[in-house]
Amino acid sequence: MAAKTLGVAVIGLGMGRACCKWVRDSKNCKLTAVCDLNEERLAQVAKEFEVAGEKSYDALLARKDVDIAYIMTPSGLHAKQGIQAAQAGKHVVVAKPMDVNVQACDELIAACKKAGVLLAVDFNSRFSDEQQKIHFAVQQGLFGKLILGEGRLKWYRAPSYFEGARAWHGTWKMDGGGSLANQTIHQIDQILWHMGPVEQVVAAQTGIFAHENIETEDLGLALLRFRNGALGSIMGTTSYPKDSPYAGIEIHGTEGGVLTTFDEPKWTFFDDARAARLQRCVPYKTSVENIAAVVNGETDKLVCDGAEGRRANALLTAIYTSAREKRSVDLPAPK
């Protein structure tokens, strides 16, 4: 039987414009519509990709040529709009983070389960060759016993990033946090994916050091202890002077490790033959392609489903609680 091609609609065309290109290049997926409240931007993107443009989200969800709602709106809208899509019978992909709090994540997971639709959280870096090979190394024990996992990000965000149409950035209500929740969330997800669940946030500190127009942090630090006994840390800031993108993870075990904070990943093994074994875990390059593969029976697993995506929010909550209350915070064991 021929594989089914799934129609994909992208909602929110700021970051969503790039997602349209990813959909276009995804196997068994077809971009069929786009949606945005900004009429000028909506018209431009609809023309660029030669698809229908809908200003109304309700009208978009009523379309029969939409199988997947790819939601790229501000973080505080993800669960609400995802629930609407699920109730309309659409599979759901939400941008990172899943939403601004764990309760919203749980509500979205429950709604998708009730509707019988798939839910993916678009931590798109999980599909990169780099992260795929790291996860393969962990799965195959190429690093040996894991010892340390660090997520790092040093970026600059000008005051204008938090103004005008972007004023939702740096707010608790719509961004769910600051440099940790918005920028460093990819590194947080990667560390959780590779190192496994966190048992305790040992200590954390956050603060505003270089921005006067935000209510959330522009620098956050956390010390972690994982359930497998390894230690870890998270550091994320948007206060580093000028344009200096520095972001990645650094993990190692008893037999090897990898640093991704350079232009190219730096692999180290006591046994150099292990490097030759590195390969991707899955062939899929995007979240929508992964959903299409599940629908078509090629796999029964999403690379990042709702439960996986929720873990980053749970850890963020624990980090912020630790920083605010100046104490260690235990996380519940995975169910």
C-alpha atoms as a PDB file:
ATOM      1  CA  MET A   1       0.000   0.000   0.000  1.00  0.00           C
ATOM      2  CA  ALA A   2       1.334   3.432  -0.936  1.00  0.00           C
ATOM      3  CA  ALA A   3       2.351   5.703   1.918  1.00  0.00           C
ATOM      4  CA  LYS A   4      -0.102   8.457   2.792  1.00  0.00           C
ATOM      5  CA  THR A   5       0.973  12.071   2.293  1.00  0.00           C
ATOM      6  CA  LEU A   6      -0.061  14.221   5.237  1.00  0.00           C
ATOM      7  CA  GLY A   7      -1.136  17.824   4.820  1.00  0.00           C
ATOM      8  CA  VAL A   8       0.656  20.202   7.181  1.00  0.00           C
ATOM      9  CA  ALA A   9      -0.378  23.699   8.245  1.00  0.00           C
ATOM     10  CA  VAL A  10       2.105  26.043   9.925  1.00  0.00           C
ATOM     11  CA  ILE A  11       0.619  28.429  12.489  1.00  0.00           C
ATOM     12  CA  GLY A  12       2.697  31.484  13.406  1.00  0.00           C
ATOM     13  CA  LEU A  13       4.976  32.692  10.635  1.00  0.00           C
ATOM     14  CA  GLY A  14       7.774  34.356  12.549  1.00  0.00           C
ATOM     15  CA  MET A  15       9.872  31.299  13.287  1.00  0.00           C
ATOM     16  CA  GLY A  16       7.258  29.340  11.348  1.00  0.00           C
ATOM     17  CA  ARG A  17       8.540  30.625   8.030  1.00  0.00           C
ATOM     18  CA  ALA A  18      11.610  28.391   8.388  1.00  0.00           C
ATOM     19  CA  CYS A  19       9.343  25.499   9.363  1.00  0.00           C
ATOM     20  CA  CYS A  20       7.564  25.828   6.033  1.00  0.00           C
ATOM     21  CA  LYS A  21      10.858  24.977   4.323  1.00  0.00           C
ATOM     22  CA  TRP A  22      11.353  21.971   6.622  1.00  0.00           C
ATOM     23  CA  VAL A  23       7.867  20.692   5.812  1.00  0.00           C
ATOM     24  CA  ARG A  24       8.506  21.087   2.100  1.00  0.00           C
ATOM     25  CA  ASP A  25      11.579  18.864   2.425  1.00  0.00           C
ATOM     26  CA  SER A  26       9.919  16.238   4.650  1.00  0.00           C
ATOM     27  CA  LYS A  27       9.053  12.804   3.277  1.00  0.00           C
ATOM     28  CA  ASN A  28       5.321  12.054   2.967  1.00  0.00           C
ATOM     29  CA  CYS A  29       4.405  15.599   4.036  1.00  0.00           C
ATOM     30  CA  LYS A  30       2.921  18.477   2.063  1.00  0.00           C
ATOM     31  CA  LEU A  31       2.553  22.071   3.178  1.00  0.00           C
ATOM     32  CA  THR A  32      -1.104  22.886   2.469  1.00  0.00           C
ATOM     33  CA  ALA A  33      -1.813  26.066   4.454  1.00  0.00           C
ATOM     34  CA  VAL A  34      -0.304  28.743   6.684  1.00  0.00           C
ATOM     35  CA  CYS A  35      -1.868  30.892   9.393  1.00  0.00           C
ATOM     36  CA  ASP A  36      -0.904  34.201  11.000  1.00  0.00           C
ATOM     37  CA  LEU A  37      -2.674  37.260  12.422  1.00  0.00           C
ATOM     38  CA  ASN A  38      -0.301  39.568  10.554  1.00  0.00           C
ATOM     39  CA  GLU A  39      -1.997  39.889   7.168  1.00  0.00           C
ATOM     40  CA  GLU A  40       1.053  41.219   5.342  1.00  0.00           C
ATOM     41  CA  ARG A  41       3.284  38.425   6.574  1.00  0.00           C
ATOM     42  CA  LEU A  42       0.565  35.862   5.920  1.00  0.00           C
ATOM     43  CA  ALA A  43       0.211  37.002   2.306  1.00  0.00           C
ATOM     44  CA  GLN A  44       3.968  36.974   1.734  1.00  0.00           C
ATOM     45  CA  VAL A  45       4.496  33.448   3.069  1.00  0.00           C
ATOM     46  CA  ALA A  46       1.397  32.040   1.372  1.00  0.00           C
ATOM     47  CA  LYS A  47       2.642  33.431  -1.951  1.00  0.00           C
ATOM     48  CA  GLU A  48       6.210  32.261  -1.368  1.00  0.00           C
ATOM     49  CA  PHE A  49       5.134  28.663  -0.749  1.00  0.00           C
ATOM     50  CA  GLU A  50       2.087  28.725  -3.040  1.00  0.00           C
ATOM     51  CA  VAL A  51      -0.341  27.559  -0.363  1.00  0.00           C
ATOM     52  CA  ALA A  52      -3.561  28.795   1.200  1.00  0.00           C
ATOM     53  CA  GLY A  53      -3.329  31.521   3.835  1.00  0.00           C
ATOM     54  CA  GLU A  54      -5.807  31.665   6.726  1.00  0.00           C
ATOM     55  CA  LYS A  55      -5.947  34.506   9.228  1.00  0.00           C
ATOM     56  CA  SER A  56      -8.537  32.636  11.296  1.00  0.00           C
ATOM     57  CA  TYR A  57      -7.241  29.662  13.292  1.00  0.00           C
ATOM     58  CA  ASP A  58     -10.749  28.190  13.401  1.00  0.00           C
ATOM     59  CA  ALA A  59     -10.945  28.371   9.608  1.00  0.00           C
ATOM     60  CA  LEU A  60      -7.569  26.676   9.335  1.00  0.00           C
ATOM     61  CA  LEU A  61      -8.627  23.806  11.600  1.00  0.00           C
ATOM     62  CA  ALA A  62     -11.789  23.329   9.529  1.00  0.00           C
ATOM     63  CA  ARG A  63      -9.745  22.584   6.403  1.00  0.00           C
ATOM     64  CA  LYS A  64      -9.894  18.966   5.235  1.00  0.00           C
ATOM     65  CA  ASP A  65      -6.438  19.191   3.634  1.00  0.00           C
ATOM     66  CA  VAL A  66      -4.776  19.710   7.034  1.00  0.00           C
ATOM     67  CA  ASP A  67      -3.699  16.593   8.936  1.00  0.00           C
ATOM     68  CA  ILE A  68      -0.993  18.147  11.127  1.00  0.00           C
ATOM     69  CA  ALA A  69      -1.098  21.497  12.934  1.00  0.00           C
ATOM     70  CA  TYR A  70       2.480  22.786  13.292  1.00  0.00           C
ATOM     71  CA  ILE A  71       2.189  25.434  16.017  1.00  0.00           C
ATOM     72  CA  MET A  72       4.930  28.082  16.093  1.00  0.00           C
ATOM     73  CA  THR A  73       3.194  30.807  18.098  1.00  0.00           C
ATOM     74  CA  PRO A  74       4.381  32.296  21.451  1.00  0.00           C
ATOM     75  CA  SER A  75       5.025  29.633  24.094  1.00  0.00           C
ATOM     76  CA  GLY A  76       2.055  30.566  26.275  1.00  0.00           C
ATOM     77  CA  LEU A  77      -0.359  29.687  23.445  1.00  0.00           C
ATOM     78  CA  HIS A  78       0.989  26.232  22.609  1.00  0.00           C
ATOM     79  CA  ALA A  79      -1.257  24.117  24.848  1.00  0.00           C
ATOM     80  CA  LYS A  80      -4.396  26.142  24.131  1.00  0.00           C
ATOM     81  CA  GLN A  81      -3.949  26.004  20.372  1.00  0.00           C
ATOM     82  CA  GLY A  82      -2.742  22.406  20.484  1.00  0.00           C
ATOM     83  CA  ILE A  83      -5.873  21.357  22.360  1.00  0.00           C
ATOM     84  CA  GLN A  84      -8.028  23.113  19.740  1.00  0.00           C
ATOM     85  CA  ALA A  85      -6.183  21.258  16.976  1.00  0.00           C
ATOM     86  CA  ALA A  86      -6.567  17.906  18.741  1.00  0.00           C
ATOM     87  CA  GLN A  87     -10.284  18.470  19.211  1.00  0.00           C
ATOM     88  CA  ALA A  88     -10.493  19.156  15.471  1.00  0.00           C
ATOM     89  CA  GLY A  89      -8.869  15.779  14.798  1.00  0.00           C
ATOM     90  CA  LYS A  90      -5.453  17.107  13.768  1.00  0.00           C
ATOM     91  CA  HIS A  91      -2.112  15.680  14.829  1.00  0.00           C
ATOM     92  CA  VAL A  92      -0.159  18.290  16.783  1.00  0.00           C
ATOM     93  CA  VAL A  93       3.412  19.596  16.679  1.00  0.00           C
ATOM     94  CA  VAL A  94       4.222  22.412  19.117  1.00  0.00           C
ATOM     95  CA  ALA A  95       7.381  24.490  19.152  1.00  0.00           C
ATOM     96  CA  LYS A  96       9.753  24.400  22.100  1.00  0.00           C
ATOM     97  CA  PRO A  97       9.116  24.727  24.968  1.00  0.00           C
ATOM     98  CA  MET A  98       5.887  22.743  25.109  1.00  0.00           C
ATOM     99  CA  ASP A  99       4.202  25.584  27.035  1.00  0.00           C
ATOM    100  CA  VAL A 100       5.001  27.838  29.999  1.00  0.00           C
ATOM    101  CA  ASN A 101       4.145  25.428  32.824  1.00  0.00           C
ATOM    102  CA  VAL A 102       3.745  21.727  33.525  1.00  0.00           C
ATOM    103  CA  GLN A 103      -0.009  21.932  34.062  1.00  0.00           C
ATOM    104  CA  ALA A 104      -0.516  23.245  30.530  1.00  0.00           C
ATOM    105  CA  CYS A 105       1.686  20.435  29.191  1.00  0.00           C
ATOM    106  CA  ASP A 106      -0.417  17.842  31.012  1.00  0.00           C
ATOM    107  CA  GLU A 107      -3.635  19.327  29.647  1.00  0.00           C
ATOM    108  CA  LEU A 108      -2.293  19.153  26.089  1.00  0.00           C
ATOM    109  CA  ILE A 109      -1.093  15.566  26.517  1.00  0.00           C
ATOM    110  CA  ALA A 110      -4.501  14.554  27.889  1.00  0.00           C
ATOM    111  CA  ALA A 111      -6.383  16.284  25.067  1.00  0.00           C
ATOM    112  CA  CYS A 112      -4.333  14.580  22.353  1.00  0.00           C
ATOM    113  CA  LYS A 113      -4.742  11.201  24.030  1.00  0.00           C
ATOM    114  CA  LYS A 114      -8.502  11.683  24.295  1.00  0.00           C
ATOM    115  CA  ALA A 115      -8.744  12.734  20.637  1.00  0.00           C
ATOM    116  CA  GLY A 116      -6.540   9.852  19.473  1.00  0.00           C
ATOM    117  CA  VAL A 117      -4.046  12.114  17.700  1.00  0.00           C
ATOM    118  CA  LEU A 118      -0.258  12.240  17.847  1.00  0.00           C
ATOM    119  CA  LEU A 119       1.581  14.933  19.790  1.00  0.00           C
ATOM    120  CA  ALA A 120       5.178  15.888  19.065  1.00  0.00           C
ATOM    121  CA  VAL A 121       7.252  18.616  20.698  1.00  0.00           C
ATOM    122  CA  ASP A 122       9.506  20.255  18.142  1.00  0.00           C
ATOM    123  CA  PHE A 123      12.909  20.003  19.751  1.00  0.00           C
ATOM    124  CA  ASN A 124      14.160  19.933  16.189  1.00  0.00           C
ATOM    125  CA  SER A 125      17.837  19.683  17.116  1.00  0.00           C
ATOM    126  CA  ARG A 126      17.201  16.058  18.122  1.00  0.00           C
ATOM    127  CA  PHE A 127      17.053  15.288  14.397  1.00  0.00           C
ATOM    128  CA  SER A 128      20.491  16.727  13.588  1.00  0.00           C
ATOM    129  CA  ASP A 129      23.278  14.296  12.675  1.00  0.00           C
ATOM    130  CA  GLU A 130      25.271  15.550  15.651  1.00  0.00           C
ATOM    131  CA  GLN A 131      22.585  14.860  18.272  1.00  0.00           C
ATOM    132  CA  GLN A 132      21.526  11.613  16.623  1.00  0.00           C
ATOM    133  CA  LYS A 133      25.088  10.287  16.828  1.00  0.00           C
ATOM    134  CA  ILE A 134      25.440  11.373  20.447  1.00  0.00           C
ATOM    135  CA  HIS A 135      22.268   9.519  21.365  1.00  0.00           C
ATOM    136  CA  PHE A 136      23.473   6.444  19.483  1.00  0.00           C
ATOM    137  CA  ALA A 137      26.730   6.588  21.454  1.00  0.00           C
ATOM    138  CA  VAL A 138      24.780   6.728  24.714  1.00  0.00           C
ATOM    139  CA  GLN A 139      22.443   3.900  23.689  1.00  0.00           C
ATOM    140  CA  GLN A 140      25.328   1.681  22.642  1.00  0.00           C
ATOM    141  CA  GLY A 141      27.426   2.477  25.717  1.00  0.00           C
ATOM    142  CA  LEU A 142      30.256   3.971  23.650  1.00  0.00           C
ATOM    143  CA  PHE A 143      30.888   6.609  26.319  1.00  0.00           C
ATOM    144  CA  GLY A 144      30.969   3.987  29.077  1.00  0.00           C
ATOM    145  CA  LYS A 145      29.360   4.959  32.378  1.00  0.00           C
ATOM    146  CA  LEU A 146      28.086   8.532  32.109  1.00  0.00           C
ATOM    147  CA  ILE A 147      29.780  10.959  34.491  1.00  0.00           C
ATOM    148  CA  LEU A 148      28.955  14.546  33.518  1.00  0.00           C
ATOM    149  CA  GLY A 149      26.480  16.362  31.279  1.00  0.00           C
ATOM    150  CA  GLU A 150      26.572  20.145  30.732  1.00  0.00           C
ATOM    151  CA  GLY A 151      24.332  22.445  28.702  1.00  0.00           C
ATOM    152  CA  ARG A 152      25.792  25.851  27.829  1.00  0.00           C
ATOM    153  CA  LEU A 153      24.584  28.941  25.987  1.00  0.00           C
ATOM    154  CA  LYS A 154      26.074  32.431  25.798  1.00  0.00           C
ATOM    155  CA  TRP A 155      24.140  34.736  23.513  1.00  0.00           C
ATOM    156  CA  TYR A 156      23.292  38.407  23.166  1.00  0.00           C
ATOM    157  CA  ARG A 157      19.765  39.745  22.947  1.00  0.00           C
ATOM    158  CA  ALA A 158      19.359  43.478  22.355  1.00  0.00           C
ATOM    159  CA  PRO A 159      16.616  45.382  24.235  1.00  0.00           C
ATOM    160  CA  SER A 160      14.658  45.526  20.957  1.00  0.00           C
ATOM    161  CA  TYR A 161      14.217  41.746  21.118  1.00  0.00           C
ATOM    162  CA  PHE A 162      11.808  42.328  24.010  1.00  0.00           C
ATOM    163  CA  GLU A 163       9.829  45.185  22.459  1.00  0.00           C
ATOM    164  CA  GLY A 164       6.951  45.688  20.030  1.00  0.00           C
ATOM    165  CA  ALA A 165       5.551  42.477  18.543  1.00  0.00           C
ATOM    166  CA  ARG A 166       8.178  40.557  20.518  1.00  0.00           C
ATOM    167  CA  ALA A 167       7.188  42.019  23.882  1.00  0.00           C
ATOM    168  CA  TRP A 168       5.965  38.603  25.013  1.00  0.00           C
ATOM    169  CA  HIS A 169       9.617  37.558  25.232  1.00  0.00           C
ATOM    170  CA  GLY A 170      11.023  37.754  28.739  1.00  0.00           C
ATOM    171  CA  THR A 171       7.618  37.435  30.427  1.00  0.00           C
ATOM    172  CA  TRP A 172       6.462  34.669  32.753  1.00  0.00           C
ATOM    173  CA  LYS A 173       2.963  34.545  31.250  1.00  0.00           C
ATOM    174  CA  MET A 174       3.908  34.010  27.600  1.00  0.00           C
ATOM    175  CA  ASP A 175       7.605  32.983  27.633  1.00  0.00           C
ATOM    176  CA  GLY A 176       7.595  30.918  30.809  1.00  0.00           C
ATOM    177  CA  GLY A 177      10.997  32.252  31.802  1.00  0.00           C
ATOM    178  CA  GLY A 178      13.984  33.978  30.288  1.00  0.00           C
ATOM    179  CA  SER A 179      17.308  32.837  28.887  1.00  0.00           C
ATOM    180  CA  LEU A 180      16.831  29.322  30.252  1.00  0.00           C
ATOM    181  CA  ALA A 181      13.247  28.865  29.021  1.00  0.00           C
ATOM    182  CA  ASN A 182      13.582  30.460  25.601  1.00  0.00           C
ATOM    183  CA  GLN A 183      17.175  30.142  24.414  1.00  0.00           C
ATOM    184  CA  THR A 184      18.773  27.362  26.500  1.00  0.00           C
ATOM    185  CA  ILE A 185      15.763  25.039  26.316  1.00  0.00           C
ATOM    186  CA  HIS A 186      17.328  23.061  23.439  1.00  0.00           C
ATOM    187  CA  GLN A 187      20.421  22.308  25.522  1.00  0.00           C
ATOM    188  CA  ILE A 188      18.229  21.384  28.496  1.00  0.00           C
ATOM    189  CA  ASP A 189      16.311  18.951  26.312  1.00  0.00           C
ATOM    190  CA  GLN A 190      19.474  17.460  24.848  1.00  0.00           C
ATOM    191  CA  ILE A 191      20.994  16.886  28.278  1.00  0.00           C
ATOM    192  CA  LEU A 192      17.817  15.168  29.486  1.00  0.00           C
ATOM    193  CA  TRP A 193      17.610  13.062  26.312  1.00  0.00           C
ATOM    194  CA  HIS A 194      21.163  11.800  26.561  1.00  0.00           C
ATOM    195  CA  MET A 195      21.815  11.735  30.309  1.00  0.00           C
ATOM    196  CA  GLY A 196      18.397  10.548  31.464  1.00  0.00           C
ATOM    197  CA  PRO A 197      16.117  11.955  34.167  1.00  0.00           C
ATOM    198  CA  VAL A 198      17.303  14.417  36.796  1.00  0.00           C
ATOM    199  CA  GLU A 199      16.913  13.349  40.405  1.00  0.00           C
ATOM    200  CA  GLN A 200      17.653  16.685  42.021  1.00  0.00           C
ATOM    201  CA  VAL A 201      18.392  20.312  41.253  1.00  0.00           C
ATOM    202  CA  VAL A 202      21.130  20.699  43.859  1.00  0.00           C
ATOM    203  CA  ALA A 203      21.294  24.495  43.561  1.00  0.00           C
ATOM    204  CA  ALA A 204      20.347  27.240  41.126  1.00  0.00           C
ATOM    205  CA  GLN A 205      20.707  30.976  40.677  1.00  0.00           C
ATOM    206  CA  THR A 206      19.018  33.337  38.230  1.00  0.00           C
ATOM    207  CA  GLY A 207      19.084  37.088  37.761  1.00  0.00           C
ATOM    208  CA  ILE A 208      18.662  40.086  35.474  1.00  0.00           C
ATOM    209  CA  PHE A 209      22.029  41.697  34.772  1.00  0.00           C
ATOM    210  CA  ALA A 210      21.945  43.440  31.380  1.00  0.00           C
ATOM    211  CA  HIS A 211      18.293  44.085  30.480  1.00  0.00           C
ATOM    212  CA  GLU A 212      15.930  46.588  32.090  1.00  0.00           C
ATOM    213  CA  ASN A 213      12.832  45.713  30.092  1.00  0.00           C
ATOM    214  CA  ILE A 214      12.267  42.056  31.088  1.00  0.00           C
ATOM    215  CA  GLU A 215      10.754  40.346  34.123  1.00  0.00           C
ATOM    216  CA  THR A 216      12.542  37.021  33.693  1.00  0.00           C
ATOM    217  CA  GLU A 217      16.236  36.119  33.905  1.00  0.00           C
ATOM    218  CA  ASP A 218      18.949  36.952  31.400  1.00  0.00           C
ATOM    219  CA  LEU A 219      21.350  34.615  33.233  1.00  0.00           C
ATOM    220  CA  GLY A 220      20.608  31.300  34.884  1.00  0.00           C
ATOM    221  CA  LEU A 221      22.784  28.581  36.401  1.00  0.00           C
ATOM    222  CA  ALA A 222      21.868  25.192  37.846  1.00  0.00           C
ATOM    223  CA  LEU A 223      23.746  22.236  39.317  1.00  0.00           C
ATOM    224  CA  LEU A 224      22.093  18.847  38.714  1.00  0.00           C
ATOM    225  CA  ARG A 225      22.299  15.287  39.928  1.00  0.00           C
ATOM    226  CA  PHE A 226      20.949  12.610  37.571  1.00  0.00           C
ATOM    227  CA  ARG A 227      19.225   9.388  38.605  1.00  0.00           C
ATOM    228  CA  ASN A 228      22.047   7.370  37.054  1.00  0.00           C
ATOM    229  CA  GLY A 229      24.473   8.973  39.521  1.00  0.00           C
ATOM    230  CA  ALA A 230      26.048  11.419  37.056  1.00  0.00           C
ATOM    231  CA  LEU A 231      26.366  15.138  37.741  1.00  0.00           C
ATOM    232  CA  GLY A 232      25.411  17.985  35.452  1.00  0.00           C
ATOM    233  CA  SER A 233      25.019  21.710  34.983  1.00  0.00           C
ATOM    234  CA  ILE A 234      22.989  24.171  32.954  1.00  0.00           C
ATOM    235  CA  MET A 235      24.117  27.695  32.087  1.00  0.00           C
ATOM    236  CA  GLY A 236      22.251  30.071  29.834  1.00  0.00           C
ATOM    237  CA  THR A 237      22.519  33.807  29.307  1.00  0.00           C
ATOM    238  CA  THR A 238      21.496  36.459  26.797  1.00  0.00           C
ATOM    239  CA  SER A 239      23.809  39.031  28.391  1.00  0.00           C
ATOM    240  CA  TYR A 240      27.047  38.107  26.627  1.00  0.00           C
ATOM    241  CA  PRO A 241      28.325  41.211  24.756  1.00  0.00           C
ATOM    242  CA  LYS A 242      27.375  41.643  21.115  1.00  0.00           C
ATOM    243  CA  ASP A 243      26.990  38.791  18.602  1.00  0.00           C
ATOM    244  CA  SER A 244      28.741  35.711  19.922  1.00  0.00           C
ATOM    245  CA  PRO A 245      26.654  32.576  19.447  1.00  0.00           C
ATOM    246  CA  TYR A 246      28.085  29.998  21.800  1.00  0.00           C
ATOM    247  CA  ALA A 247      25.816  27.077  22.576  1.00  0.00           C
ATOM    248  CA  GLY A 248      26.053  23.340  22.943  1.00  0.00           C
ATOM    249  CA  ILE A 249      26.419  20.433  25.287  1.00  0.00           C
ATOM    250  CA  GLU A 250      29.442  18.705  26.770  1.00  0.00           C
ATOM    251  CA  ILE A 251      29.063  15.159  28.077  1.00  0.00           C
ATOM    252  CA  HIS A 252      31.475  12.415  28.954  1.00  0.00           C
ATOM    253  CA  GLY A 253      31.709   9.010  30.566  1.00  0.00           C
ATOM    254  CA  THR A 254      34.413   6.588  31.598  1.00  0.00           C
ATOM    255  CA  GLU A 255      35.263   5.643  27.985  1.00  0.00           C
ATOM    256  CA  GLY A 256      34.637   8.756  25.912  1.00  0.00           C
ATOM    257  CA  GLY A 257      32.876  12.043  25.446  1.00  0.00           C
ATOM    258  CA  VAL A 258      31.806  14.803  23.091  1.00  0.00           C
ATOM    259  CA  LEU A 259      31.902  18.617  23.057  1.00  0.00           C
ATOM    260  CA  THR A 260      29.449  20.422  20.769  1.00  0.00           C
ATOM    261  CA  THR A 261      30.314  23.948  21.864  1.00  0.00           C
ATOM    262  CA  PHE A 262      32.708  24.295  18.907  1.00  0.00           C
ATOM    263  CA  ASP A 263      31.956  24.752  15.191  1.00  0.00           C
ATOM    264  CA  GLU A 264      32.261  20.984  14.783  1.00  0.00           C
ATOM    265  CA  PRO A 265      31.680  18.390  17.511  1.00  0.00           C
ATOM    266  CA  LYS A 266      34.827  17.125  19.190  1.00  0.00           C
ATOM    267  CA  TRP A 267      34.684  13.383  19.933  1.00  0.00           C
ATOM    268  CA  THR A 268      37.069  11.640  22.304  1.00  0.00           C
ATOM    269  CA  PHE A 269      37.384   7.907  22.996  1.00  0.00           C
ATOM    270  CA  PHE A 270      40.069   5.838  24.701  1.00  0.00           C
ATOM    271  CA  ASP A 271      39.358   3.287  21.955  1.00  0.00           C
ATOM    272  CA  ASP A 272      39.438   5.232  18.671  1.00  0.00           C
ATOM    273  CA  ALA A 273      37.560   2.429  16.902  1.00  0.00           C
ATOM    274  CA  ARG A 274      34.398   3.505  18.701  1.00  0.00           C
ATOM    275  CA  ALA A 275      34.232   6.711  16.657  1.00  0.00           C
ATOM    276  CA  ALA A 276      33.813   4.668  13.474  1.00  0.00           C
ATOM    277  CA  ARG A 277      30.668   3.076  14.894  1.00  0.00           C
ATOM    278  CA  LEU A 278      28.757   6.368  15.244  1.00  0.00           C
ATOM    279  CA  GLN A 279      25.526   6.596  13.259  1.00  0.00           C
ATOM    280  CA  ARG A 280      22.034   8.080  13.337  1.00  0.00           C
ATOM    281  CA  CYS A 281      19.354   6.482  15.497  1.00  0.00           C
ATOM    282  CA  VAL A 282      16.475   7.293  13.111  1.00  0.00           C
ATOM    283  CA  PRO A 283      16.279   8.414   9.467  1.00  0.00           C
ATOM    284  CA  TYR A 284      13.713  11.166  10.037  1.00  0.00           C
ATOM    285  CA  LYS A 285      14.841  14.783   9.719  1.00  0.00           C
ATOM    286  CA  THR A 286      11.809  16.657  11.139  1.00  0.00           C
ATOM    287  CA  SER A 287       8.978  16.201  13.632  1.00  0.00           C
ATOM    288  CA  VAL A 288       6.347  16.192  10.881  1.00  0.00           C
ATOM    289  CA  GLU A 289       8.251  13.556   8.921  1.00  0.00           C
ATOM    290  CA  ASN A 290       8.406  11.487  12.110  1.00  0.00           C
ATOM    291  CA  ILE A 291       4.614  11.784  12.566  1.00  0.00           C
ATOM    292  CA  ALA A 292       4.046  10.768   8.954  1.00  0.00           C
ATOM    293  CA  ALA A 293       6.226   7.703   9.524  1.00  0.00           C
ATOM    294  CA  VAL A 294       4.108   6.701  12.536  1.00  0.00           C
ATOM    295  CA  VAL A 295       0.864   7.210  10.607  1.00  0.00           C
ATOM    296  CA  ASN A 296       2.230   5.112   7.745  1.00  0.00           C
ATOM    297  CA  GLY A 297       3.370   2.317  10.053  1.00  0.00           C
ATOM    298  CA  GLU A 298       7.106   2.798   9.425  1.00  0.00           C
ATOM    299  CA  THR A 299       7.736   3.219  13.161  1.00  0.00           C
ATOM    300  CA  ASP A 300       5.709   3.192  16.352  1.00  0.00           C
ATOM    301  CA  LYS A 301       7.747   5.834  18.175  1.00  0.00           C
ATOM    302  CA  LEU A 302       8.033   9.599  18.078  1.00  0.00           C
ATOM    303  CA  VAL A 303      11.491  11.031  18.693  1.00  0.00           C
ATOM    304  CA  CYS A 304      10.000  13.602  21.083  1.00  0.00           C
ATOM    305  CA  ASP A 305       6.426  12.959  22.185  1.00  0.00           C
ATOM    306  CA  GLY A 306       4.463  14.873  24.807  1.00  0.00           C
ATOM    307  CA  ALA A 307       5.928  12.987  27.757  1.00  0.00           C
ATOM    308  CA  GLU A 308       9.466  13.654  26.495  1.00  0.00           C
ATOM    309  CA  GLY A 309       8.759  17.321  25.836  1.00  0.00           C
ATOM    310  CA  ARG A 310       7.213  17.748  29.289  1.00  0.00           C
ATOM    311  CA  ARG A 311      10.484  16.785  30.991  1.00  0.00           C
ATOM    312  CA  ALA A 312      12.157  20.064  30.008  1.00  0.00           C
ATOM    313  CA  ASN A 313       9.297  22.036  31.565  1.00  0.00           C
ATOM    314  CA  ALA A 314       9.450  19.976  34.746  1.00  0.00           C
ATOM    315  CA  LEU A 315      13.187  20.593  35.072  1.00  0.00           C
ATOM    316  CA  LEU A 316      12.764  24.306  34.358  1.00  0.00           C
ATOM    317  CA  THR A 317      10.139  24.524  37.102  1.00  0.00           C
ATOM    318  CA  ALA A 318      12.501  22.842  39.552  1.00  0.00           C
ATOM    319  CA  ILE A 319      15.380  25.173  38.575  1.00  0.00           C
ATOM    320  CA  TYR A 320      13.260  28.284  39.039  1.00  0.00           C
ATOM    321  CA  THR A 321      11.942  26.986  42.365  1.00  0.00           C
ATOM    322  CA  SER A 322      15.476  26.254  43.552  1.00  0.00           C
ATOM    323  CA  ALA A 323      16.658  29.742  42.575  1.00  0.00           C
ATOM    324  CA  ARG A 324      13.654  31.490  44.120  1.00  0.00           C
ATOM    325  CA  GLU A 325      13.571  29.522  47.393  1.00  0.00           C
ATOM    326  CA  LYS A 326      17.358  29.028  47.663  1.00  0.00           C
ATOM    327  CA  ARG A 327      17.177  25.274  48.255  1.00  0.00           C
ATOM    328  CA  SER A 328      17.615  21.960  46.515  1.00  0.00           C
ATOM    329  CA  VAL A 329      14.569  20.555  44.703  1.00  0.00           C
ATOM    330  CA  ASP A 330      13.855  16.855  44.140  1.00  0.00           C
ATOM    331  CA  LEU A 331      12.122  15.726  40.957  1.00  0.00           C
ATOM    332  CA  PRO A 332       9.735  12.757  41.003  1.00  0.00           C
ATOM    333  CA  ALA A 333      10.881   9.495  39.454  1.00  0.00           C
ATOM    334  CA  PRO A 334       9.605   8.896  35.898  1.00  0.00           C
ATOM    335  CA  LYS A 335       6.389   6.888  35.729  1.00  0.00           C
END
